[in-house]
C-alpha cells in the first residue's frame, strides 16, 4: 500500500496540520506530552492517528509529523518497523537538494548550521547525508 501525501511537505507545522485537514486524507493529528520511550511521534494505522509530542519545538514537530506521514503513506502497522526507509524518505521530503548544497556551503559543513538554515532537525540532516552518500556509492 502506498498513499500519496497531497500537499507540500515544506510547510511549517501549523500550516501542514491545516493542509492535512483540508486535503481530506484519512488521518488525524493529535498532540500529547506522554509518549512512550521519549518518542517524538507515533502513527497508529488501526485508528489512522498521528500522535506528536506537544513539548517539541515547531521545527521538531514539523519533522516528526512528516516522519509519521511517511509511516501513514506506507500503511505501516507497527512502531519501529521500516525506520531506515522512513527516516530517508522523510529527509528527502523535507530537504531540497539545491537548498541543501547552498546551506552546506554557507555553513561550511556544520550540521547544526545546515539544520537551522533548512528548518529541520540535526537528525534529518544526518539522514539526508546518509542518503546522499548511498546514492553516490550506488
Protein backbone atom coordinates (compact mmCIF):
# COMPACT_ATOMS: atom_id res chain seq x y z
CA UNK A 1 0.00 0.00 0.00
CA UNK A 2 1.24 3.47 -0.83
CA UNK A 3 -0.81 6.56 -0.10
CA UNK A 4 0.19 9.92 -1.52
CA UNK A 5 0.84 12.94 0.66
CA UNK A 6 -1.22 15.51 -1.29
CA UNK A 7 0.39 18.74 -0.06
CA UNK A 8 3.75 20.46 0.23
CA UNK A 9 5.84 18.90 2.99
CA UNK A 10 7.96 22.07 3.16
CA UNK A 11 5.16 23.83 5.03
CA UNK A 12 5.67 24.76 8.66
CA UNK A 13 4.00 22.66 11.33
CA UNK A 14 0.75 24.60 11.79
CA UNK A 15 0.05 25.09 8.08
CA UNK A 16 0.89 21.42 7.48
CA UNK A 17 -1.68 20.31 10.05
CA UNK A 18 -4.24 22.55 8.33
CA UNK A 19 -3.27 21.08 4.95
CA UNK A 20 -3.90 17.58 6.32
CA UNK A 21 -7.44 18.51 7.31
CA UNK A 22 -8.12 20.50 4.13
CA UNK A 23 -6.85 17.69 1.91
CA UNK A 24 -9.34 15.22 3.35
CA UNK A 25 -6.81 12.43 3.79
CA UNK A 26 -7.80 9.74 6.26
CA UNK A 27 -5.50 10.66 9.13
CA UNK A 28 -5.98 12.71 12.28
CA UNK A 29 -3.16 14.53 14.09
CA UNK A 30 -3.26 14.80 17.86
CA UNK A 31 -0.81 16.03 20.49
CA UNK A 32 0.23 14.56 23.81
CA UNK A 33 3.11 15.02 26.22
CA UNK A 34 3.38 11.46 27.48
CA UNK A 35 4.68 9.44 24.54
CA UNK A 36 6.44 6.17 25.26
CA UNK A 37 10.23 5.81 25.06
CA UNK A 38 10.79 9.56 24.57
CA UNK A 39 9.37 9.27 21.07
CA UNK A 40 8.58 12.44 19.15
CA UNK A 41 5.62 10.86 17.42
CA UNK A 42 3.71 7.70 16.60
CA UNK A 43 1.43 6.57 13.83
CA UNK A 44 -1.38 4.13 14.58
CA UNK A 45 -2.58 2.50 11.37
CA UNK A 46 -5.60 0.87 13.01
CA UNK A 47 -7.01 4.27 14.01
CA UNK A 48 -5.30 6.41 11.31
CA UNK A 49 -3.98 8.70 14.06
CA UNK A 50 -0.67 10.51 14.25
CA UNK A 51 0.37 11.49 17.75
CA UNK A 52 3.02 14.24 18.15
CA UNK A 53 4.77 15.25 21.38
CA UNK A 54 3.45 18.72 22.15
CA UNK A 55 6.61 19.69 24.07
CA UNK A 56 8.75 19.73 20.92
CA UNK A 57 9.87 22.85 19.10
CA UNK A 58 7.87 23.68 15.98
CA UNK A 59 10.80 22.55 13.84
CA UNK A 60 10.93 19.18 15.61
CA UNK A 61 7.13 18.84 15.40
CA UNK A 62 7.31 19.52 11.66
CA UNK A 63 9.95 16.84 11.18
CA UNK A 64 8.10 14.35 13.39
CA UNK A 65 4.85 14.98 11.53
CA UNK A 66 6.41 14.33 8.13
CA UNK A 67 8.09 11.20 9.54
CA UNK A 68 4.73 9.89 10.77
CA UNK A 69 3.08 10.84 7.46
CA UNK A 70 5.60 8.61 5.71
CA UNK A 71 4.51 5.75 8.00
CA UNK A 72 0.89 6.61 7.11
CA UNK A 73 1.74 6.68 3.38
CA UNK A 74 3.11 3.13 3.63
CA UNK A 75 0.39 1.88 5.95
CA UNK A 76 2.98 0.77 8.49
CA UNK A 77 1.28 -1.22 11.23
CA UNK A 78 3.83 -1.17 14.00
CA UNK A 79 6.19 1.25 15.63
CA UNK A 80 9.85 0.64 14.93
CA UNK A 81 9.36 -1.15 11.61
CA UNK A 82 10.78 0.26 8.41
CA UNK A 83 12.53 3.06 10.29
CA UNK A 84 15.51 3.36 7.94
CA UNK A 85 13.22 3.72 4.92
CA UNK A 86 11.04 6.17 6.82
CA UNK A 87 13.98 8.30 8.00
CA UNK A 88 15.46 8.53 4.49
CA UNK A 89 12.12 9.33 2.82
CA UNK A 90 11.40 11.95 5.48
CA UNK A 91 14.75 13.64 4.88
CA UNK A 92 14.16 13.66 1.12
CA UNK A 93 10.69 15.16 1.59
CA UNK A 94 11.95 17.91 3.91
CA UNK A 95 15.19 18.88 2.18
CA UNK A 96 15.56 20.20 -1.35
CA UNK A 97 18.88 19.18 -2.93
CA UNK A 98 19.79 22.70 -4.09
CA UNK A 99 18.85 24.22 -0.74
CA UNK A 100 21.00 21.62 0.98
CA UNK A 101 24.00 22.37 -1.25
CA UNK A 102 23.68 26.12 -0.53
CA UNK A 103 23.31 25.54 3.22
CA UNK A 104 26.27 23.16 3.31
CA UNK A 105 28.46 25.72 1.56
CA UNK A 106 27.16 28.64 3.66
CA UNK A 107 27.77 26.82 6.95
CA UNK A 108 30.97 25.09 5.80
CA UNK A 109 29.55 21.65 6.55
CA UNK A 110 28.47 22.49 10.11
CA UNK A 111 25.50 20.18 10.59
CA UNK A 112 23.79 22.39 13.21
CA UNK A 113 24.01 25.42 10.95
CA UNK A 114 22.71 23.42 7.99
CA UNK A 115 19.78 22.13 10.05
CA UNK A 116 18.91 25.62 11.28
CA UNK A 117 19.15 27.06 7.76
CA UNK A 118 16.82 24.36 6.39
CA UNK A 119 14.35 24.43 9.31
CA UNK A 120 14.92 20.76 10.12
CA UNK A 121 16.49 18.84 12.98
CA UNK A 122 20.06 17.60 13.03
CA UNK A 123 18.76 14.04 12.64
CA UNK A 124 17.05 14.96 9.38
CA UNK A 125 20.34 16.37 8.04
CA UNK A 126 22.15 13.21 9.21
CA UNK A 127 19.67 11.04 7.33
CA UNK A 128 19.86 13.23 4.23
CA UNK A 129 23.64 12.88 4.25
CA UNK A 130 23.30 9.09 4.55
CA UNK A 131 21.02 9.11 1.52
CA UNK A 132 23.44 11.33 -0.42
CA UNK A 133 26.33 9.03 0.43
CA UNK A 134 24.37 5.91 -0.52
CA UNK A 135 23.12 7.44 -3.78
CA UNK A 136 26.66 8.41 -4.83
CA UNK A 137 28.02 4.98 -3.87
CA UNK A 138 25.33 3.16 -5.87
